[in-house]
Amino acid sequence: MVEVRKRDYITCNTSSPIIEHKDGNTKVKLDRSGPFYFINREEGHCDKGQKLIVVVMSAKLIWKLICVLFDIVSQINFKRFVGSSGRP
């Protein structure tokens, strides 16, 4: 397995990996937010779909998503409580 840049992920290019893992029991440190691209280096395997994108979200983004979802759920519940008349 190799970690590659996005353009190499798309084209299954393994000629210039960021890092190569050969032991078959690799643990990868995901030390930043954003996407990580991994492909199988064996001939033809990536073209057959043996590749993976891992997206690490930042704590700030996760908190923003939670707030947006809470706001949406609150609005839905308020509309159910009030009904179409605008009064409880």
C-alpha atoms as a PDB file:
ATOM      1  CA  MET A   1       0.000   0.000   0.000  1.00  0.00           C
ATOM      2  CA  VAL A   2       1.217   3.494  -0.779  1.00  0.00           C
ATOM      3  CA  GLU A   3       0.037   6.915   0.284  1.00  0.00           C
ATOM      4  CA  VAL A   4      -0.185   9.220  -2.712  1.00  0.00           C
ATOM      5  CA  ARG A   5      -1.307  12.670  -3.755  1.00  0.00           C
ATOM      6  CA  LYS A   6      -4.818  13.220  -5.088  1.00  0.00           C
ATOM      7  CA  ARG A   7      -3.777  13.346  -8.744  1.00  0.00           C
ATOM      8  CA  ASP A   8      -1.903  10.037  -8.359  1.00  0.00           C
ATOM      9  CA  TYR A   9      -4.914   8.519  -6.576  1.00  0.00           C
ATOM     10  CA  ILE A  10      -7.174   9.438  -9.486  1.00  0.00           C
ATOM     11  CA  THR A  11      -4.795   8.017 -12.105  1.00  0.00           C
ATOM     12  CA  CYS A  12      -3.528   5.058  -9.994  1.00  0.00           C
ATOM     13  CA  ASN A  13       0.032   6.336 -10.377  1.00  0.00           C
ATOM     14  CA  THR A  14       2.407   4.711  -7.867  1.00  0.00           C
ATOM     15  CA  SER A  15       5.685   6.098  -9.267  1.00  0.00           C
ATOM     16  CA  SER A  16       6.115   8.858  -6.653  1.00  0.00           C
ATOM     17  CA  PRO A  17       4.397   7.851  -3.404  1.00  0.00           C
ATOM     18  CA  ILE A  18       4.430  10.038  -0.309  1.00  0.00           C
ATOM     19  CA  ILE A  19       5.188   6.908   1.710  1.00  0.00           C
ATOM     20  CA  GLU A  20       5.226   3.182   0.984  1.00  0.00           C
ATOM     21  CA  HIS A  21       4.116   0.489   3.410  1.00  0.00           C
ATOM     22  CA  LYS A  22       5.401  -3.041   2.744  1.00  0.00           C
ATOM     23  CA  ASP A  23       4.936  -5.053   5.940  1.00  0.00           C
ATOM     24  CA  GLY A  24       1.256  -5.972   5.497  1.00  0.00           C
ATOM     25  CA  ASN A  25       0.467  -4.842   9.045  1.00  0.00           C
ATOM     26  CA  THR A  26       0.737  -1.073   8.764  1.00  0.00           C
ATOM     27  CA  LYS A  27      -0.595   1.523  11.166  1.00  0.00           C
ATOM     28  CA  VAL A  28      -0.887   4.974   9.619  1.00  0.00           C
ATOM     29  CA  LYS A  29      -0.773   8.128  11.716  1.00  0.00           C
ATOM     30  CA  LEU A  30      -3.425  10.571  10.502  1.00  0.00           C
ATOM     31  CA  ASP A  31      -1.837  13.669  12.020  1.00  0.00           C
ATOM     32  CA  ARG A  32      -3.740  16.459  10.291  1.00  0.00           C
ATOM     33  CA  SER A  33      -7.233  17.242   9.078  1.00  0.00           C
ATOM     34  CA  GLY A  34      -8.001  16.692   5.414  1.00  0.00           C
ATOM     35  CA  PRO A  35      -7.879  13.817   2.934  1.00  0.00           C
ATOM     36  CA  PHE A  36      -5.355  10.979   2.853  1.00  0.00           C
ATOM     37  CA  TYR A  37      -5.135   8.910  -0.355  1.00  0.00           C
ATOM     38  CA  PHE A  38      -4.035   5.260  -0.388  1.00  0.00           C
ATOM     39  CA  ILE A  39      -3.729   2.839  -3.294  1.00  0.00           C
ATOM     40  CA  ASN A  40      -2.620  -0.746  -3.782  1.00  0.00           C
ATOM     41  CA  ARG A  41       0.735  -0.860  -5.545  1.00  0.00           C
ATOM     42  CA  GLU A  42       0.227  -4.297  -7.145  1.00  0.00           C
ATOM     43  CA  GLU A  43      -0.210  -4.122 -10.923  1.00  0.00           C
ATOM     44  CA  GLY A  44      -3.871  -3.584 -11.897  1.00  0.00           C
ATOM     45  CA  HIS A  45      -5.263  -3.642  -8.354  1.00  0.00           C
ATOM     46  CA  CYS A  46      -5.872   0.111  -8.090  1.00  0.00           C
ATOM     47  CA  ASP A  47      -7.604   0.114 -11.494  1.00  0.00           C
ATOM     48  CA  LYS A  48      -9.933  -2.558 -10.088  1.00  0.00           C
ATOM     49  CA  GLY A  49     -10.860  -0.288  -7.172  1.00  0.00           C
ATOM     50  CA  GLN A  50      -8.388  -1.276  -4.466  1.00  0.00           C
ATOM     51  CA  LYS A  51      -7.879   2.241  -3.195  1.00  0.00           C
ATOM     52  CA  LEU A  52      -9.056   4.287  -0.248  1.00  0.00           C
ATOM     53  CA  ILE A  53      -9.623   7.910   0.748  1.00  0.00           C
ATOM     54  CA  VAL A  54      -9.673   8.761   4.459  1.00  0.00           C
ATOM     55  CA  VAL A  55     -10.912  12.232   5.407  1.00  0.00           C
ATOM     56  CA  VAL A  56      -9.971  13.502   8.860  1.00  0.00           C
ATOM     57  CA  MET A  57     -12.257  16.278  10.049  1.00  0.00           C
ATOM     58  CA  SER A  58     -11.059  19.033  12.358  1.00  0.00           C
ATOM     59  CA  ALA A  59     -12.683  19.544  15.752  1.00  0.00           C
ATOM     60  CA  LYS A  60     -13.901  22.990  14.615  1.00  0.00           C
ATOM     61  CA  LEU A  61     -15.664  21.534  11.580  1.00  0.00           C
ATOM     62  CA  ILE A  62     -17.260  18.749  13.607  1.00  0.00           C
ATOM     63  CA  TRP A  63     -18.565  21.287  16.138  1.00  0.00           C
ATOM     64  CA  LYS A  64     -19.993  23.470  13.328  1.00  0.00           C
ATOM     65  CA  LEU A  65     -21.760  20.440  11.828  1.00  0.00           C
ATOM     66  CA  ILE A  66     -23.245  19.543  15.208  1.00  0.00           C
ATOM     67  CA  CYS A  67     -24.541  23.108  15.637  1.00  0.00           C
ATOM     68  CA  VAL A  68     -26.089  23.154  12.156  1.00  0.00           C
ATOM     69  CA  LEU A  69     -27.780  19.789  12.704  1.00  0.00           C
ATOM     70  CA  PHE A  70     -29.084  20.890  16.112  1.00  0.00           C
ATOM     71  CA  ASP A  71     -30.505  24.055  14.547  1.00  0.00           C
ATOM     72  CA  ILE A  72     -32.248  22.057  11.807  1.00  0.00           C
ATOM     73  CA  VAL A  73     -33.745  19.573  14.274  1.00  0.00           C
ATOM     74  CA  SER A  74     -34.872  22.426  16.543  1.00  0.00           C
ATOM     75  CA  GLN A  75     -36.638  24.150  13.646  1.00  0.00           C
ATOM     76  CA  ILE A  76     -38.387  20.936  12.610  1.00  0.00           C
ATOM     77  CA  ASN A  77     -39.557  20.254  16.162  1.00  0.00           C
ATOM     78  CA  PHE A  78     -40.724  23.877  16.607  1.00  0.00           C
ATOM     79  CA  LYS A  79     -42.767  23.704  13.399  1.00  0.00           C
ATOM     80  CA  ARG A  80     -44.378  20.461  14.594  1.00  0.00           C
ATOM     81  CA  PHE A  81     -45.194  22.047  17.964  1.00  0.00           C
ATOM     82  CA  VAL A  82     -46.537  25.310  16.556  1.00  0.00           C
ATOM     83  CA  GLY A  83     -48.175  23.832  13.488  1.00  0.00           C
ATOM     84  CA  SER A  84     -49.113  25.753  10.382  1.00  0.00           C
ATOM     85  CA  SER A  85     -51.102  28.411  12.284  1.00  0.00           C
ATOM     86  CA  GLY A  86     -47.989  29.856  13.911  1.00  0.00           C
ATOM     87  CA  ARG A  87     -49.470  29.385  17.394  1.00  0.00           C
ATOM     88  CA  PRO A  88     -49.056  26.551  19.931  1.00  0.00           C
END
